[in-house]
Amino acid sequence: FSKLGQTWWLNFRKRQEKNITIQPADSVVRGRTACVRTEAVDQFFRLLNSVTNTHGLRDKPHQIYSCSETSFQLGRKK
């Protein structure tokens, strides 16, 4: 692959103008981004590392599931 040229974005927009829309960032997303601190991210990954080591999950990624307050995903959709 080659590097993107200076006019790549303009040409892409012209080719895809019916398929894409440009929207301003959601204020909630901006707020969440502003709240993320390096220390909090580092602490999360230290805790994740500790938990995966404690429970022997390093060699068992199939036993790690994605959860949030709105969903529980057991498998990937293709």
N, C-alpha and C. Protein backbone atom coordinates (compact mmCIF):
# COMPACT_ATOMS: atom_id res chain seq x y z
N PHE A 1 0.83 -1.18 0.00
CA PHE A 1 0.00 0.00 0.00
C PHE A 1 0.87 1.24 0.00
N SER A 2 0.36 2.28 -0.61
CA SER A 2 1.09 3.54 -0.59
C SER A 2 0.42 4.49 0.40
N LYS A 3 1.13 5.56 0.74
CA LYS A 3 0.58 6.56 1.66
C LYS A 3 -0.56 7.31 0.99
N LEU A 4 -1.46 7.80 1.80
CA LEU A 4 -2.57 8.59 1.27
C LEU A 4 -2.06 9.96 0.85
N GLY A 5 -2.51 10.40 -0.30
CA GLY A 5 -2.10 11.71 -0.80
C GLY A 5 -2.90 12.82 -0.14
N GLN A 6 -2.51 14.05 -0.42
CA GLN A 6 -3.15 15.21 0.19
C GLN A 6 -4.61 15.37 -0.24
N THR A 7 -4.96 14.87 -1.40
CA THR A 7 -6.34 15.03 -1.88
C THR A 7 -7.18 13.77 -1.70
N TRP A 8 -6.65 12.78 -1.01
CA TRP A 8 -7.38 11.52 -0.85
C TRP A 8 -8.76 11.74 -0.26
N TRP A 9 -8.86 12.48 0.85
CA TRP A 9 -10.14 12.68 1.52
C TRP A 9 -11.14 13.37 0.59
N LEU A 10 -10.70 14.39 -0.12
CA LEU A 10 -11.61 15.11 -1.02
C LEU A 10 -12.12 14.19 -2.13
N ASN A 11 -11.24 13.42 -2.71
CA ASN A 11 -11.64 12.50 -3.78
C ASN A 11 -12.55 11.39 -3.24
N PHE A 12 -12.26 10.88 -2.06
CA PHE A 12 -13.10 9.86 -1.44
C PHE A 12 -14.51 10.40 -1.21
N ARG A 13 -14.61 11.62 -0.68
CA ARG A 13 -15.92 12.22 -0.44
C ARG A 13 -16.71 12.39 -1.74
N LYS A 14 -16.03 12.78 -2.80
CA LYS A 14 -16.72 12.93 -4.09
C LYS A 14 -17.26 11.59 -4.58
N ARG A 15 -16.45 10.55 -4.46
CA ARG A 15 -16.86 9.22 -4.92
C ARG A 15 -17.99 8.64 -4.07
N GLN A 16 -18.00 8.95 -2.80
CA GLN A 16 -18.93 8.32 -1.86
C GLN A 16 -20.00 9.26 -1.31
N GLU A 17 -20.21 10.39 -1.95
CA GLU A 17 -21.09 11.40 -1.35
C GLU A 17 -22.50 10.90 -1.07
N LYS A 18 -22.99 9.93 -1.80
CA LYS A 18 -24.33 9.40 -1.54
C LYS A 18 -24.32 8.35 -0.43
N ASN A 19 -23.16 7.83 -0.09
CA ASN A 19 -23.06 6.74 0.88
C ASN A 19 -22.63 7.19 2.27
N ILE A 20 -22.08 8.38 2.40
CA ILE A 20 -21.58 8.82 3.71
C ILE A 20 -22.18 10.17 4.08
N THR A 21 -22.23 10.40 5.37
CA THR A 21 -22.63 11.71 5.88
C THR A 21 -21.62 12.13 6.94
N ILE A 22 -21.40 13.40 7.05
CA ILE A 22 -20.49 13.92 8.06
C ILE A 22 -21.35 14.58 9.13
N GLN A 23 -21.16 14.13 10.36
CA GLN A 23 -21.96 14.64 11.46
C GLN A 23 -21.05 15.13 12.57
N PRO A 24 -21.50 16.15 13.30
CA PRO A 24 -20.69 16.62 14.43
C PRO A 24 -20.65 15.55 15.52
N ALA A 25 -19.60 15.56 16.31
CA ALA A 25 -19.46 14.59 17.40
C ALA A 25 -20.56 14.81 18.42
N ASP A 26 -21.06 13.72 18.95
CA ASP A 26 -22.08 13.76 19.99
C ASP A 26 -21.49 14.35 21.26
N SER A 27 -22.24 15.20 21.94
CA SER A 27 -21.72 15.84 23.15
C SER A 27 -21.41 14.82 24.24
N VAL A 28 -22.15 13.70 24.28
CA VAL A 28 -21.86 12.66 25.27
C VAL A 28 -20.50 12.05 24.99
N VAL A 29 -20.21 11.79 23.73
CA VAL A 29 -18.91 11.22 23.37
C VAL A 29 -17.80 12.19 23.73
N ARG A 30 -17.99 13.46 23.44
CA ARG A 30 -16.97 14.46 23.80
C ARG A 30 -16.76 14.49 25.30
N GLY A 31 -17.85 14.41 26.06
CA GLY A 31 -17.75 14.42 27.52
C GLY A 31 -17.00 13.22 28.05
N ARG A 32 -17.28 12.06 27.49
CA ARG A 32 -16.58 10.84 27.93
C ARG A 32 -15.10 10.93 27.59
N THR A 33 -14.80 11.45 26.44
CA THR A 33 -13.41 11.58 26.03
C THR A 33 -12.66 12.51 26.97
N ALA A 34 -13.29 13.58 27.37
CA ALA A 34 -12.65 14.54 28.26
C ALA A 34 -12.40 13.95 29.64
N CYS A 35 -13.22 12.98 30.04
CA CYS A 35 -13.10 12.39 31.38
C CYS A 35 -12.05 11.29 31.46
N VAL A 36 -11.60 10.79 30.34
CA VAL A 36 -10.62 9.70 30.35
C VAL A 36 -9.25 10.25 30.72
N ARG A 37 -8.73 9.73 31.80
CA ARG A 37 -7.41 10.14 32.27
C ARG A 37 -6.45 8.98 32.07
N THR A 38 -5.21 9.29 31.81
CA THR A 38 -4.19 8.26 31.62
C THR A 38 -4.11 7.35 32.83
N GLU A 39 -4.22 7.91 34.02
CA GLU A 39 -4.13 7.10 35.24
C GLU A 39 -5.26 6.08 35.31
N ALA A 40 -6.48 6.48 34.92
CA ALA A 40 -7.62 5.56 34.96
C ALA A 40 -7.44 4.43 33.96
N VAL A 41 -6.96 4.75 32.77
CA VAL A 41 -6.73 3.72 31.76
C VAL A 41 -5.64 2.77 32.21
N ASP A 42 -4.55 3.30 32.75
CA ASP A 42 -3.47 2.45 33.27
C ASP A 42 -3.96 1.54 34.38
N GLN A 43 -4.77 2.09 35.29
CA GLN A 43 -5.30 1.29 36.39
C GLN A 43 -6.19 0.17 35.86
N PHE A 44 -7.02 0.46 34.86
CA PHE A 44 -7.88 -0.57 34.27
C PHE A 44 -7.05 -1.72 33.72
N PHE A 45 -6.00 -1.41 32.95
CA PHE A 45 -5.21 -2.47 32.35
C PHE A 45 -4.36 -3.22 33.37
N ARG A 46 -3.95 -2.57 34.44
CA ARG A 46 -3.27 -3.29 35.53
C ARG A 46 -4.23 -4.29 36.18
N LEU A 47 -5.46 -3.85 36.43
CA LEU A 47 -6.46 -4.74 37.02
C LEU A 47 -6.80 -5.88 36.07
N LEU A 48 -6.97 -5.58 34.80
CA LEU A 48 -7.26 -6.62 33.81
C LEU A 48 -6.14 -7.65 33.77
N ASN A 49 -4.90 -7.19 33.78
CA ASN A 49 -3.74 -8.08 33.77
C ASN A 49 -3.75 -8.97 35.02
N SER A 50 -4.04 -8.38 36.17
CA SER A 50 -4.08 -9.13 37.42
C SER A 50 -5.16 -10.21 37.39
N VAL A 51 -6.35 -9.85 36.94
CA VAL A 51 -7.47 -10.80 36.91
C VAL A 51 -7.20 -11.93 35.92
N THR A 52 -6.70 -11.60 34.73
CA THR A 52 -6.44 -12.66 33.76
C THR A 52 -5.34 -13.60 34.23
N ASN A 53 -4.34 -13.08 34.94
CA ASN A 53 -3.29 -13.94 35.49
C ASN A 53 -3.81 -14.78 36.65
N THR A 54 -4.56 -14.17 37.56
CA THR A 54 -5.08 -14.87 38.74
C THR A 54 -5.97 -16.05 38.35
N HIS A 55 -6.77 -15.87 37.33
CA HIS A 55 -7.73 -16.90 36.93
C HIS A 55 -7.24 -17.75 35.75
N GLY A 56 -5.98 -17.60 35.38
CA GLY A 56 -5.40 -18.42 34.32
C GLY A 56 -6.07 -18.23 32.97
N LEU A 57 -6.46 -17.01 32.66
CA LEU A 57 -7.17 -16.75 31.41
C LEU A 57 -6.26 -16.35 30.25
N ARG A 58 -4.99 -16.20 30.50
CA ARG A 58 -4.07 -15.80 29.42
C ARG A 58 -4.10 -16.81 28.27
N ASP A 59 -4.19 -18.08 28.59
CA ASP A 59 -4.19 -19.11 27.55
C ASP A 59 -5.60 -19.62 27.26
N LYS A 60 -6.63 -18.90 27.74
CA LYS A 60 -8.02 -19.30 27.52
C LYS A 60 -8.87 -18.11 27.08
N PRO A 61 -8.52 -17.46 25.98
CA PRO A 61 -9.28 -16.28 25.57
C PRO A 61 -10.74 -16.59 25.25
N HIS A 62 -11.04 -17.85 24.93
CA HIS A 62 -12.42 -18.24 24.63
C HIS A 62 -13.32 -18.16 25.87
N GLN A 63 -12.74 -18.00 27.05
CA GLN A 63 -13.52 -17.90 28.28
C GLN A 63 -13.70 -16.45 28.74
N ILE A 64 -13.30 -15.50 27.92
CA ILE A 64 -13.45 -14.09 28.25
C ILE A 64 -14.63 -13.55 27.44
N TYR A 65 -15.59 -12.94 28.13
CA TYR A 65 -16.80 -12.43 27.50
C TYR A 65 -16.89 -10.92 27.63
N SER A 66 -17.58 -10.31 26.69
CA SER A 66 -17.78 -8.87 26.71
C SER A 66 -19.13 -8.57 27.37
N CYS A 67 -19.11 -7.75 28.41
CA CYS A 67 -20.35 -7.39 29.12
C CYS A 67 -20.41 -5.88 29.32
N SER A 68 -21.62 -5.36 29.32
CA SER A 68 -21.83 -3.96 29.69
C SER A 68 -23.18 -3.87 30.37
N GLU A 69 -23.54 -2.68 30.79
CA GLU A 69 -24.82 -2.53 31.46
C GLU A 69 -26.00 -2.66 30.50
N THR A 70 -25.74 -2.68 29.19
CA THR A 70 -26.83 -2.75 28.22
C THR A 70 -26.87 -4.04 27.43
N SER A 71 -25.82 -4.85 27.49
CA SER A 71 -25.83 -6.08 26.69
C SER A 71 -24.88 -7.11 27.27
N PHE A 72 -25.04 -8.33 26.77
CA PHE A 72 -24.17 -9.43 27.14
C PHE A 72 -23.94 -10.24 25.88
N GLN A 73 -22.75 -10.19 25.34
CA GLN A 73 -22.46 -10.80 24.05
C GLN A 73 -21.75 -12.12 24.26
N LEU A 74 -22.35 -13.21 23.77
CA LEU A 74 -21.75 -14.53 23.91
C LEU A 74 -20.91 -14.91 22.70
N GLY A 75 -21.24 -14.41 21.55
CA GLY A 75 -20.50 -14.76 20.35
C GLY A 75 -20.45 -13.61 19.39
N ARG A 76 -19.65 -13.76 18.37
CA ARG A 76 -19.53 -12.70 17.36
C ARG A 76 -20.53 -12.94 16.24
N LYS A 77 -21.08 -11.87 15.74
CA LYS A 77 -21.93 -11.96 14.55
C LYS A 77 -21.06 -11.66 13.35
N LYS A 78 -21.22 -12.43 12.33
CA LYS A 78 -20.40 -12.22 11.13
C LYS A 78 -21.15 -11.39 10.13
